[in-house]
Each structure stands twice: as structure tokens, then as C-alpha cells.
Amino acid sequence: MKSTPISRSAAFLGIAFLTLTVFSEQLISKDDAIPAKQQKFTFVQMCDTQLGMGGYEHDVTTFKAAVKKINAMKPDFVVICGDLVNKADDKSFADFNSIKEGFTLPCYCAPGNHDVENEPTAESLRIYREKIGEDYYSVEHKGYTIVVANTQLWKVPVEGESDKHDAWFKKALLAAKKKNSPVIIVVHYPLFVKQPDEKEGYFNLPSVKRKEILQLCEENGVVAFLAGHTHKQITNEYKGIQLVNGETTSKNFDKRPMGFRLWSVDGEKGLSHRFVEVEGFRELVPE
């Protein structure tokens, strides 16, 4: 039977659609990214829940109170910048997980030196991964990329782990850059406390590694670098990147009350943050 003009046109349109679809899929596969569209949202930055640092029962109580308050505020998610516990053992990890399960929103944790030891080992990392979960990973949210890194692998190189972590970190930043997705980094150690060129000490990262990370942040659209560890509220800025250490729910060395930072993210206006106190615990802060 001869083809009619209508059937020939339909066949042509079908072939053209199929070709366009395949071509589009190839472009997406080649770029491995779709440009991200930024949307407004809020999230919470917690630091050093560190059960046992300010008195075990005190820290359990303040963490629970913070969870309740955060749930009522209904941010999109919460991040905890390391030192989840003071002494890494079965009880403290179990108590932390039990309280964390009270969140009615996603919670992303970074490991701290108290969680994987000051000099991490294959065994301490294995235990953390078994009890808490991944120690480095990234998630996407409303056009932004949240990169959770393990600063202990930057502070003290671990054979077979630090190189793998560095390769992942660079890949995560590059993937976000391809999507035009601004990056929020969540870690435990701050890069620096006062100045980018300060000497290495207990509260910052090694100078060489610090310089490398700052350059990667500058080149790959990092807009915020959130850390804990200092038990002091510190706000710095480096070439448009906000570097913020927030208050804790365990013990603050600067005598600030127990609490956390509420971040507001707006693709047009940028990022801003403010302190939120967990009321009723100012007088319970241990000296």
C-alpha cells in the first residue's frame, strides 16, 4: 500500500523527535550536568553537640531542646559541624543517634576530631562509618550543593584515606561548578581563625592544605564554609566566601548561650545568618 502524505509527515516528525531526544540526552550525558536553578530556603548550622563536653546530662538535655526548637522552626535541613560526641564509644554514639532521630527534617553530620580521634585510623573511621554513616558526601538542594567533608583527613593525613578524600572533594566541587550550583561546605575544623596566613595550631588546618582548599573554594563557586571546633562564634570572609563557626549546645568558651545559627539562602541576595538561643540554658553553661 502506498504511503499517504499524512503518514509520511508523521513518520518524518517521529524520526525528528527521536533524533532530537537522543541528541539532547547525549548533550546532558556529555556535560554530566543540568544548570541548577537557585531557590530560597533556610537551614540550621549546629556545632559541637559533643555529648560529654559540658556535662553529659547537660549536653543531652540541650541537644534535645535544640531538636525540638529546630523542628518548630521548620527549616529545610540541619547540619552539624562535627564533634557529635566527646568520647567516641557505643553509648555516646547511640545516645547521639537517638536524639538525632527526633529531627523531623534531614540532618547532615560532619565528623570531628572527637568522633574519629585526633589521629584517625582505619579502625576509628570504620567505627564512625558503622555507627554514624558516611564521613564525607554531598547533597543537592534547591540549586545549591552541600559538601560535607572530613577535615580530620586534612589535619592528619591517613594512608589510603586522605588521597581518596581529596580526589572526591575536587570532583564534588567540579560537578557543582558544571551545574552552576553554589557550594556550601560543612566541616569541623575551620581553615583559619583570624587570618588566612596564620600559623598552624590546634584550631586551624595546616598552612599548605589551607592554601590549597582556599584556592579550590575560590575557583569553584563556594559561598560558605561552615565549621565548628573552636567553641567560639567566629565570622570571617575570604574573597566573597563566608567562613562561620557557630555557637554550640555543649560548652562555649566565649560564654555565649547555648544555641545555633539559622541561615537564610537567597540566590539574588546571597546568604545571611543569625543566632538562635536555646532558651533556659544560659544559666546551665558550665564554667
Protein backbone atom coordinates (compact mmCIF):
# COMPACT_ATOMS: atom_id res chain seq x y z
CA MET A 1 0.00 0.00 0.00
CA LYS A 2 1.32 3.46 -0.89
CA SER A 3 2.12 5.90 1.87
CA THR A 4 -0.19 8.90 2.11
CA PRO A 5 1.22 12.41 2.61
CA ILE A 6 -0.09 12.36 6.19
CA SER A 7 1.66 9.09 7.09
CA ARG A 8 4.94 10.30 5.52
CA SER A 9 4.74 13.52 7.56
CA ALA A 10 4.01 11.58 10.74
CA ALA A 11 6.97 9.31 10.08
CA PHE A 12 9.23 12.31 9.48
CA LEU A 13 8.09 14.00 12.69
CA GLY A 14 8.61 10.78 14.63
CA ILE A 15 12.17 10.41 13.33
CA ALA A 16 12.92 14.06 14.02
CA PHE A 17 11.60 13.79 17.60
CA LEU A 18 13.61 10.63 18.23
CA THR A 19 16.76 12.25 16.85
CA LEU A 20 16.26 15.38 18.95
CA THR A 21 15.65 13.30 22.08
CA VAL A 22 18.78 11.21 21.58
CA PHE A 23 20.82 14.33 20.80
CA SER A 24 19.55 16.05 23.96
CA GLU A 25 20.37 13.02 26.09
CA GLN A 26 23.85 12.93 24.59
CA LEU A 27 24.39 16.59 25.46
CA ILE A 28 23.28 16.03 29.05
CA SER A 29 25.49 12.97 29.31
CA LYS A 30 28.45 14.80 27.83
CA ASP A 31 28.14 17.77 30.19
CA ASP A 32 27.03 15.48 33.03
CA ALA A 33 25.08 18.41 34.40
CA ILE A 34 21.93 20.47 34.07
CA PRO A 35 22.29 24.12 35.13
CA ALA A 36 20.88 24.48 38.64
CA LYS A 37 18.13 26.97 39.42
CA GLN A 38 18.61 28.52 42.85
CA GLN A 39 15.60 28.82 45.15
CA LYS A 40 15.13 30.39 48.56
CA PHE A 41 15.43 28.22 51.66
CA THR A 42 16.60 28.17 55.27
CA PHE A 43 18.75 25.74 57.18
CA VAL A 44 20.35 25.41 60.62
CA GLN A 45 24.05 25.19 61.46
CA MET A 46 24.73 23.37 64.73
CA CYS A 47 28.24 23.00 66.17
CA ASP A 48 29.74 20.53 68.63
CA THR A 49 26.79 18.81 70.23
CA GLN A 50 29.71 16.90 71.81
CA LEU A 51 27.84 14.84 74.38
CA GLY A 52 30.03 14.88 77.49
CA MET A 53 31.93 18.14 76.89
CA GLY A 54 29.79 20.37 79.12
CA GLY A 55 28.49 17.59 81.37
CA TYR A 56 26.87 14.55 79.81
CA GLU A 57 23.30 15.09 81.02
CA HIS A 58 23.56 18.81 80.29
CA ASP A 59 24.59 18.13 76.70
CA VAL A 60 21.89 15.51 76.18
CA THR A 61 19.26 17.93 77.52
CA THR A 62 20.39 20.90 75.43
CA PHE A 63 20.65 18.80 72.28
CA LYS A 64 17.10 17.53 72.79
CA ALA A 65 15.87 21.08 73.40
CA ALA A 66 17.59 22.28 70.23
CA VAL A 67 16.00 19.49 68.19
CA LYS A 68 12.56 20.47 69.49
CA LYS A 69 13.12 24.16 68.72
CA ILE A 70 14.52 23.48 65.25
CA ASN A 71 11.60 21.21 64.37
CA ALA A 72 9.19 24.01 65.33
CA MET A 73 11.06 26.49 63.11
CA LYS A 74 10.77 24.16 60.11
CA PRO A 75 13.95 24.93 58.17
CA ASP A 76 14.74 22.77 55.15
CA PHE A 77 17.50 20.85 56.90
CA VAL A 78 20.14 21.00 59.65
CA VAL A 79 23.90 20.46 59.50
CA ILE A 80 26.08 19.53 62.49
CA CYS A 81 29.69 20.65 62.19
CA GLY A 82 31.44 17.76 63.91
CA ASP A 83 32.28 16.61 67.42
CA LEU A 84 28.96 14.90 67.74
CA VAL A 85 30.24 13.28 70.95
CA ASN A 86 33.09 13.95 73.37
CA LYS A 87 34.22 10.35 73.78
CA ALA A 88 33.54 8.04 70.86
CA ASP A 89 32.02 4.87 72.30
CA ASP A 90 28.91 2.76 71.88
CA LYS A 91 26.87 4.68 74.47
CA SER A 92 27.64 8.20 73.25
CA PHE A 93 27.09 7.31 69.61
CA ALA A 94 23.84 5.52 70.48
CA ASP A 95 22.60 8.50 72.52
CA PHE A 96 23.53 10.90 69.75
CA ASN A 97 21.68 8.84 67.15
CA SER A 98 18.64 8.51 69.40
CA ILE A 99 18.36 12.29 69.82
CA LYS A 100 19.14 12.97 66.16
CA GLU A 101 16.26 10.69 65.15
CA GLY A 102 13.96 13.25 66.77
CA PHE A 103 14.50 15.64 63.87
CA THR A 104 11.54 15.89 61.51
CA LEU A 105 13.84 17.16 58.75
CA PRO A 106 17.07 15.94 57.14
CA CYS A 107 20.21 16.21 59.28
CA TYR A 108 23.70 16.09 57.74
CA CYS A 109 26.67 15.44 60.03
CA ALA A 110 30.38 16.09 59.56
CA PRO A 111 32.89 14.16 61.68
CA GLY A 112 35.07 15.91 64.25
CA ASN A 113 38.32 15.03 65.94
CA HIS A 114 36.47 13.62 68.97
CA ASP A 115 34.42 11.39 66.65
CA VAL A 116 37.31 9.82 64.70
CA GLU A 117 40.24 10.65 67.05
CA ASN A 118 42.87 13.39 66.75
CA GLU A 119 44.94 10.97 64.67
CA PRO A 120 42.32 8.93 62.82
CA THR A 121 42.99 5.32 61.91
CA ALA A 122 41.35 2.82 59.62
CA GLU A 123 39.61 1.42 62.69
CA SER A 124 38.33 4.74 64.06
CA LEU A 125 37.00 5.64 60.62
CA ARG A 126 35.36 2.22 60.29
CA ILE A 127 33.60 2.64 63.63
CA TYR A 128 32.34 6.12 62.75
CA ARG A 129 31.02 4.92 59.41
CA GLU A 130 29.34 1.97 61.09
CA LYS A 131 27.77 3.97 63.95
CA ILE A 132 27.03 7.32 62.28
CA GLY A 133 27.35 6.95 58.49
CA GLU A 134 29.47 8.38 55.69
CA ASP A 135 32.20 10.78 56.79
CA TYR A 136 32.17 12.72 53.52
CA TYR A 137 29.47 13.18 50.88
CA SER A 138 27.49 15.82 49.02
CA VAL A 139 23.79 16.56 48.57
CA GLU A 140 21.92 18.92 46.26
CA HIS A 141 19.17 21.21 47.49
CA LYS A 142 17.23 23.83 45.55
CA GLY A 143 20.07 24.67 43.19
CA TYR A 144 22.83 24.56 45.84
CA THR A 145 25.32 21.82 46.63
CA ILE A 146 26.08 20.92 50.25
CA VAL A 147 29.55 19.36 50.50
CA VAL A 148 30.24 17.62 53.81
CA ALA A 149 33.98 16.94 54.21
CA ASN A 150 36.17 15.18 56.79
CA THR A 151 38.68 17.79 57.95
CA GLN A 152 40.48 15.26 60.11
CA LEU A 153 41.82 13.74 56.88
CA TRP A 154 43.24 17.19 56.07
CA LYS A 155 44.62 17.80 59.55
CA VAL A 156 46.38 14.44 59.84
CA PRO A 157 47.00 12.57 56.55
CA VAL A 158 45.89 8.94 56.67
CA GLU A 159 47.35 6.49 54.18
CA GLY A 160 44.73 5.13 51.81
CA GLU A 161 42.12 7.63 53.05
CA SER A 162 43.29 11.23 52.66
CA ASP A 163 44.17 10.94 48.97
CA LYS A 164 40.83 9.29 48.26
CA HIS A 165 39.04 12.03 50.20
CA ASP A 166 40.91 14.79 48.30
CA ALA A 167 40.05 13.28 44.93
CA TRP A 168 36.38 13.08 45.93
CA PHE A 169 36.41 16.68 47.22
CA LYS A 170 37.79 18.08 43.97
CA LYS A 171 35.32 16.02 41.95
CA ALA A 172 32.38 17.21 44.06
CA LEU A 173 33.35 20.86 43.60
CA LEU A 174 33.85 20.43 39.86
CA ALA A 175 30.45 18.72 39.48
CA ALA A 176 28.78 21.64 41.27
CA LYS A 177 30.62 24.17 39.12
CA LYS A 178 29.44 22.46 35.93
CA LYS A 179 25.87 22.86 37.13
CA ASN A 180 26.42 26.47 38.17
CA SER A 181 25.45 25.33 41.66
CA PRO A 182 26.82 27.47 44.53
CA VAL A 183 28.54 25.35 47.19
CA ILE A 184 28.10 25.35 50.96
CA ILE A 185 30.87 23.37 52.67
CA VAL A 186 30.19 21.75 56.05
CA VAL A 187 33.16 20.60 58.14
CA HIS A 188 34.60 20.53 61.66
CA TYR A 189 37.94 22.37 61.52
CA PRO A 190 37.92 25.96 60.26
CA LEU A 191 40.50 26.83 57.64
CA PHE A 192 41.75 29.69 59.81
CA VAL A 193 40.69 31.57 62.92
CA LYS A 194 41.86 35.14 62.26
CA GLN A 195 43.98 35.36 59.11
CA PRO A 196 44.41 33.11 56.04
CA ASP A 197 48.19 33.13 56.51
CA GLU A 198 48.27 32.44 60.26
CA LYS A 199 50.47 29.66 61.63
CA GLU A 200 49.02 26.20 62.12
CA GLY A 201 47.68 25.48 65.59
CA TYR A 202 45.09 23.34 67.32
CA PHE A 203 42.15 25.33 65.99
CA ASN A 204 43.02 25.54 62.28
CA LEU A 205 44.27 23.46 59.36
CA PRO A 206 47.87 23.08 58.09
CA SER A 207 49.06 26.07 56.07
CA VAL A 208 49.77 24.21 52.81
CA LYS A 209 46.47 22.35 52.83
CA ARG A 210 44.63 25.51 53.86
CA LYS A 211 46.02 27.42 50.87
CA GLU A 212 45.04 24.58 48.53
CA ILE A 213 41.48 24.43 49.84
CA LEU A 214 41.01 28.20 49.76
CA GLN A 215 42.05 28.21 46.10
CA LEU A 216 39.66 25.36 45.30
CA CYS A 217 36.85 27.22 47.08
CA GLU A 218 37.59 30.42 45.20
CA GLU A 219 37.69 28.67 41.82
CA ASN A 220 34.57 26.53 42.25
CA GLY A 221 31.79 28.77 43.47
CA VAL A 222 31.95 28.14 47.21
CA VAL A 223 29.81 30.72 49.02
CA ALA A 224 30.07 29.49 52.63
CA PHE A 225 32.45 27.38 54.71
CA LEU A 226 30.76 26.28 57.93
CA ALA A 227 32.81 24.80 60.77
CA GLY A 228 32.78 24.04 64.48
CA HIS A 229 35.67 23.02 66.76
CA THR A 230 36.52 26.43 68.24
CA HIS A 231 33.58 26.59 70.71
CA LYS A 232 33.56 30.30 69.90
CA GLN A 233 31.44 32.26 67.46
CA ILE A 234 33.75 33.39 64.66
CA THR A 235 32.82 35.07 61.39
CA ASN A 236 35.39 35.63 58.66
CA GLU A 237 35.26 36.48 54.95
CA TYR A 238 37.61 35.44 52.19
CA LYS A 239 37.09 36.73 48.64
CA GLY A 240 33.32 36.66 48.98
CA ILE A 241 33.21 33.36 50.90
CA GLN A 242 31.62 33.43 54.35
CA LEU A 243 33.53 31.37 56.92
CA VAL A 244 31.46 30.86 60.07
CA ASN A 245 31.95 28.95 63.31
CA GLY A 246 28.78 28.95 65.37
CA GLU A 247 27.75 28.51 68.96
CA THR A 248 27.47 25.02 70.46
CA THR A 249 24.94 23.15 72.56
CA SER A 250 27.66 21.74 74.84
CA LYS A 251 30.09 24.42 76.07
CA ASN A 252 31.07 27.82 74.67
CA PHE A 253 34.47 29.17 75.61
CA ASP A 254 33.30 32.73 74.91
CA LYS A 255 30.43 32.34 77.42
CA ARG A 256 27.77 32.73 74.76
CA PRO A 257 24.48 30.96 75.48
CA MET A 258 23.61 27.57 74.04
CA GLY A 259 22.22 27.78 70.53
CA PHE A 260 22.72 27.54 66.79
CA ARG A 261 22.81 29.59 63.58
CA LEU A 262 19.78 29.95 61.31
CA TRP A 263 20.83 30.57 57.70
CA SER A 264 18.68 32.19 55.03
CA VAL A 265 19.66 31.45 51.44
CA ASP A 266 18.53 33.66 48.59
CA GLY A 267 20.04 33.27 45.12
CA GLU A 268 19.72 37.02 44.49
CA LYS A 269 20.58 38.44 47.93
CA GLY A 270 23.08 35.79 48.96
CA LEU A 271 23.38 34.11 52.36
CA SER A 272 22.75 35.57 55.80
CA HIS A 273 22.66 34.07 59.28
CA ARG A 274 21.56 34.89 62.80
CA PHE A 275 21.93 33.34 66.23
CA VAL A 276 19.03 31.45 67.81
CA GLU A 277 19.29 30.73 71.52
CA VAL A 278 18.04 27.55 73.13
CA GLU A 279 16.23 29.33 75.95
CA GLY A 280 16.55 28.29 79.56
CA PHE A 281 20.11 27.00 79.37
CA ARG A 282 22.18 30.16 79.74
CA GLU A 283 22.46 29.59 83.49
CA LEU A 284 23.39 25.93 82.97
CA VAL A 285 26.53 26.65 80.94
CA PRO A 286 29.41 25.11 82.96
CA GLU A 287 32.28 27.40 83.94
